[in-house]
């Protein structure tokens, strides 16, 4: 079983994660692009109980998605680094922005979602499963 550590750019927020991710995926949706400030985001999904914030307290922001559920985004209130994302769908899973890990070890994305919204200059990975929208439940 692996353990991961990470945190924000300024160091105010630190976290530890126990275990392996449920999955690792790339998202091309508008919300992820805006909150990540990039062409897409890469996220690792873990059981919520396996993620522990060990320093600082992230700020959060809730918003409605196009699919009709609420997403809670957690970030550093000092430097703005996006850290975690969870929904009210009751999945028991929280995503972690992979760029905040101290060491990603051998984590690799297996899926890409909202590929129909990928920016024209972004090339999809050959080794990932592609979904036009989110992964079907």
C-alpha atoms as a PDB file:
ATOM      1  CA  UNK A   1       0.000   0.000   0.000  1.00  0.00           C
ATOM      2  CA  UNK A   2       1.330   3.401  -0.961  1.00  0.00           C
ATOM      3  CA  UNK A   3       1.239   6.624   0.958  1.00  0.00           C
ATOM      4  CA  UNK A   4       1.235  10.039  -0.656  1.00  0.00           C
ATOM      5  CA  UNK A   5       1.911  13.495   0.701  1.00  0.00           C
ATOM      6  CA  UNK A   6       1.393  16.910  -0.777  1.00  0.00           C
ATOM      7  CA  UNK A   7       0.279  20.445  -0.277  1.00  0.00           C
ATOM      8  CA  UNK A   8      -0.138  23.908  -1.666  1.00  0.00           C
ATOM      9  CA  UNK A   9       2.458  26.197  -3.229  1.00  0.00           C
ATOM     10  CA  UNK A  10       3.039  28.357  -0.134  1.00  0.00           C
ATOM     11  CA  UNK A  11       3.149  25.408   2.297  1.00  0.00           C
ATOM     12  CA  UNK A  12       0.225  26.540   4.466  1.00  0.00           C
ATOM     13  CA  UNK A  13      -1.786  23.371   3.647  1.00  0.00           C
ATOM     14  CA  UNK A  14      -0.287  19.873   3.867  1.00  0.00           C
ATOM     15  CA  UNK A  15      -2.045  16.534   3.429  1.00  0.00           C
ATOM     16  CA  UNK A  16      -1.337  12.805   3.673  1.00  0.00           C
ATOM     17  CA  UNK A  17      -3.106  10.032   1.777  1.00  0.00           C
ATOM     18  CA  UNK A  18      -3.074   6.358   2.636  1.00  0.00           C
ATOM     19  CA  UNK A  19      -3.679   3.686  -0.006  1.00  0.00           C
ATOM     20  CA  UNK A  20      -4.022   3.540  -3.742  1.00  0.00           C
ATOM     21  CA  UNK A  21      -6.330   5.747  -5.790  1.00  0.00           C
ATOM     22  CA  UNK A  22      -9.642   4.439  -7.068  1.00  0.00           C
ATOM     23  CA  UNK A  23      -8.579   5.889 -10.422  1.00  0.00           C
ATOM     24  CA  UNK A  24      -6.524   8.664 -11.983  1.00  0.00           C
ATOM     25  CA  UNK A  25      -8.096  10.729 -14.710  1.00  0.00           C
ATOM     26  CA  UNK A  26      -7.873  13.816 -16.866  1.00  0.00           C
ATOM     27  CA  UNK A  27     -10.826  16.203 -17.118  1.00  0.00           C
ATOM     28  CA  UNK A  28     -11.395  18.635 -19.971  1.00  0.00           C
ATOM     29  CA  UNK A  29     -14.594  20.251 -18.615  1.00  0.00           C
ATOM     30  CA  UNK A  30     -14.973  24.014 -18.375  1.00  0.00           C
ATOM     31  CA  UNK A  31     -15.137  23.958 -14.553  1.00  0.00           C
ATOM     32  CA  UNK A  32     -11.862  22.043 -14.202  1.00  0.00           C
ATOM     33  CA  UNK A  33     -10.109  24.310 -16.669  1.00  0.00           C
ATOM     34  CA  UNK A  34     -11.253  27.410 -14.790  1.00  0.00           C
ATOM     35  CA  UNK A  35     -10.482  26.163 -11.287  1.00  0.00           C
ATOM     36  CA  UNK A  36      -7.172  24.640 -12.340  1.00  0.00           C
ATOM     37  CA  UNK A  37      -6.124  27.560 -14.513  1.00  0.00           C
ATOM     38  CA  UNK A  38      -4.949  25.151 -17.201  1.00  0.00           C
ATOM     39  CA  UNK A  39      -6.045  23.417 -20.411  1.00  0.00           C
ATOM     40  CA  UNK A  40      -7.232  20.403 -18.361  1.00  0.00           C
ATOM     41  CA  UNK A  41      -6.769  18.926 -14.891  1.00  0.00           C
ATOM     42  CA  UNK A  42      -5.326  15.610 -13.814  1.00  0.00           C
ATOM     43  CA  UNK A  43      -6.878  14.206 -10.653  1.00  0.00           C
ATOM     44  CA  UNK A  44      -6.349  11.160  -8.465  1.00  0.00           C
ATOM     45  CA  UNK A  45      -9.500   9.842  -6.771  1.00  0.00           C
ATOM     46  CA  UNK A  46      -9.226   8.373  -3.257  1.00  0.00           C
ATOM     47  CA  UNK A  47     -11.661   7.219  -0.579  1.00  0.00           C
ATOM     48  CA  UNK A  48     -12.454  10.344   1.401  1.00  0.00           C
ATOM     49  CA  UNK A  49     -11.485   8.726   4.708  1.00  0.00           C
ATOM     50  CA  UNK A  50      -7.956   8.060   3.393  1.00  0.00           C
ATOM     51  CA  UNK A  51      -7.193  11.781   2.912  1.00  0.00           C
ATOM     52  CA  UNK A  52      -6.031  13.698   5.982  1.00  0.00           C
ATOM     53  CA  UNK A  53      -5.196  17.393   6.094  1.00  0.00           C
ATOM     54  CA  UNK A  54      -2.306  17.549   8.570  1.00  0.00           C
ATOM     55  CA  UNK A  55      -1.525  21.268   8.409  1.00  0.00           C
ATOM     56  CA  UNK A  56      -3.742  24.279   7.815  1.00  0.00           C
ATOM     57  CA  UNK A  57      -7.390  24.442   6.824  1.00  0.00           C
ATOM     58  CA  UNK A  58      -8.425  24.684   3.188  1.00  0.00           C
ATOM     59  CA  UNK A  59     -11.092  27.160   2.160  1.00  0.00           C
ATOM     60  CA  UNK A  60     -13.959  25.805   0.083  1.00  0.00           C
ATOM     61  CA  UNK A  61     -16.400  26.882  -2.593  1.00  0.00           C
ATOM     62  CA  UNK A  62     -19.580  25.051  -3.649  1.00  0.00           C
ATOM     63  CA  UNK A  63     -21.208  25.312  -7.054  1.00  0.00           C
ATOM     64  CA  UNK A  64     -23.807  23.523  -9.198  1.00  0.00           C
ATOM     65  CA  UNK A  65     -22.574  21.486 -12.141  1.00  0.00           C
ATOM     66  CA  UNK A  66     -24.240  21.075 -15.526  1.00  0.00           C
ATOM     67  CA  UNK A  67     -25.234  17.573 -14.379  1.00  0.00           C
ATOM     68  CA  UNK A  68     -27.185  19.029 -11.437  1.00  0.00           C
ATOM     69  CA  UNK A  69     -25.064  18.061  -8.441  1.00  0.00           C
ATOM     70  CA  UNK A  70     -22.999  20.213  -6.101  1.00  0.00           C
ATOM     71  CA  UNK A  71     -19.207  20.208  -6.255  1.00  0.00           C
ATOM     72  CA  UNK A  72     -17.143  21.372  -3.303  1.00  0.00           C
ATOM     73  CA  UNK A  73     -13.726  22.656  -4.279  1.00  0.00           C
ATOM     74  CA  UNK A  74     -11.091  23.025  -1.547  1.00  0.00           C
ATOM     75  CA  UNK A  75      -8.096  25.312  -1.991  1.00  0.00           C
ATOM     76  CA  UNK A  76      -5.459  27.240  -0.063  1.00  0.00           C
ATOM     77  CA  UNK A  77      -6.858  30.575   1.062  1.00  0.00           C
ATOM     78  CA  UNK A  78      -3.368  32.119   1.031  1.00  0.00           C
ATOM     79  CA  UNK A  79      -1.874  31.114  -2.328  1.00  0.00           C
ATOM     80  CA  UNK A  80      -5.012  29.836  -4.109  1.00  0.00           C
ATOM     81  CA  UNK A  81      -3.670  26.378  -4.978  1.00  0.00           C
ATOM     82  CA  UNK A  82      -6.580  24.027  -5.841  1.00  0.00           C
ATOM     83  CA  UNK A  83      -6.287  20.858  -3.746  1.00  0.00           C
ATOM     84  CA  UNK A  84      -9.425  18.700  -3.487  1.00  0.00           C
ATOM     85  CA  UNK A  85     -12.827  18.261  -5.063  1.00  0.00           C
ATOM     86  CA  UNK A  86     -15.851  16.266  -3.882  1.00  0.00           C
ATOM     87  CA  UNK A  87     -19.533  16.061  -4.776  1.00  0.00           C
ATOM     88  CA  UNK A  88     -22.824  15.569  -2.983  1.00  0.00           C
ATOM     89  CA  UNK A  89     -23.515  12.396  -4.996  1.00  0.00           C
ATOM     90  CA  UNK A  90     -22.524  10.222  -2.030  1.00  0.00           C
ATOM     91  CA  UNK A  91     -19.657   8.405  -3.724  1.00  0.00           C
ATOM     92  CA  UNK A  92     -17.331   8.573  -0.696  1.00  0.00           C
ATOM     93  CA  UNK A  93     -14.547   9.627  -3.060  1.00  0.00           C
ATOM     94  CA  UNK A  94     -12.566  12.859  -3.198  1.00  0.00           C
ATOM     95  CA  UNK A  95     -10.302  13.947  -6.034  1.00  0.00           C
ATOM     96  CA  UNK A  96      -6.867  15.405  -5.426  1.00  0.00           C
ATOM     97  CA  UNK A  97      -5.142  17.645  -7.969  1.00  0.00           C
ATOM     98  CA  UNK A  98      -2.155  15.542  -8.950  1.00  0.00           C
ATOM     99  CA  UNK A  99       0.071  18.608  -9.335  1.00  0.00           C
ATOM    100  CA  UNK A 100      -0.073  19.095  -5.558  1.00  0.00           C
ATOM    101  CA  UNK A 101       1.561  15.715  -4.781  1.00  0.00           C
ATOM    102  CA  UNK A 102       5.149  15.751  -3.515  1.00  0.00           C
ATOM    103  CA  UNK A 103       5.819  12.602  -5.586  1.00  0.00           C
ATOM    104  CA  UNK A 104       3.293  11.047  -7.972  1.00  0.00           C
ATOM    105  CA  UNK A 105       5.288   7.796  -7.959  1.00  0.00           C
ATOM    106  CA  UNK A 106       3.971   5.701 -10.853  1.00  0.00           C
ATOM    107  CA  UNK A 107       0.453   7.162 -11.057  1.00  0.00           C
ATOM    108  CA  UNK A 108      -0.812   7.430 -14.638  1.00  0.00           C
ATOM    109  CA  UNK A 109      -4.191   8.564 -15.946  1.00  0.00           C
ATOM    110  CA  UNK A 110      -6.477   5.781 -17.166  1.00  0.00           C
ATOM    111  CA  UNK A 111      -9.411   7.943 -18.299  1.00  0.00           C
ATOM    112  CA  UNK A 112     -10.149  11.273 -19.960  1.00  0.00           C
ATOM    113  CA  UNK A 113     -13.588  12.805 -19.480  1.00  0.00           C
ATOM    114  CA  UNK A 114     -15.422  15.606 -21.264  1.00  0.00           C
ATOM    115  CA  UNK A 115     -13.208  15.029 -24.292  1.00  0.00           C
ATOM    116  CA  UNK A 116     -15.768  16.812 -26.473  1.00  0.00           C
ATOM    117  CA  UNK A 117     -14.734  19.987 -24.611  1.00  0.00           C
ATOM    118  CA  UNK A 118     -10.982  19.460 -24.985  1.00  0.00           C
ATOM    119  CA  UNK A 119      -9.265  22.530 -26.357  1.00  0.00           C
ATOM    120  CA  UNK A 120      -8.312  22.208 -30.046  1.00  0.00           C
ATOM    121  CA  UNK A 121      -4.556  22.093 -29.379  1.00  0.00           C
ATOM    122  CA  UNK A 122      -4.793  19.362 -26.705  1.00  0.00           C
ATOM    123  CA  UNK A 123      -3.960  15.833 -27.861  1.00  0.00           C
ATOM    124  CA  UNK A 124      -5.740  12.993 -26.071  1.00  0.00           C
ATOM    125  CA  UNK A 125      -3.559  10.212 -24.718  1.00  0.00           C
ATOM    126  CA  UNK A 126      -3.644   6.957 -26.681  1.00  0.00           C
ATOM    127  CA  UNK A 127      -3.483   4.828 -23.520  1.00  0.00           C
ATOM    128  CA  UNK A 128      -6.540   6.349 -21.775  1.00  0.00           C
ATOM    129  CA  UNK A 129     -10.238   5.533 -22.126  1.00  0.00           C
ATOM    130  CA  UNK A 130     -12.088   8.519 -23.590  1.00  0.00           C
ATOM    131  CA  UNK A 131     -15.562   9.678 -22.557  1.00  0.00           C
ATOM    132  CA  UNK A 132     -17.497  12.443 -24.323  1.00  0.00           C
ATOM    133  CA  UNK A 133     -18.860  13.541 -20.934  1.00  0.00           C
ATOM    134  CA  UNK A 134     -18.422  12.116 -17.444  1.00  0.00           C
ATOM    135  CA  UNK A 135     -17.965   8.413 -16.764  1.00  0.00           C
ATOM    136  CA  UNK A 136     -21.389   6.686 -16.709  1.00  0.00           C
ATOM    137  CA  UNK A 137     -22.557   5.690 -13.230  1.00  0.00           C
END
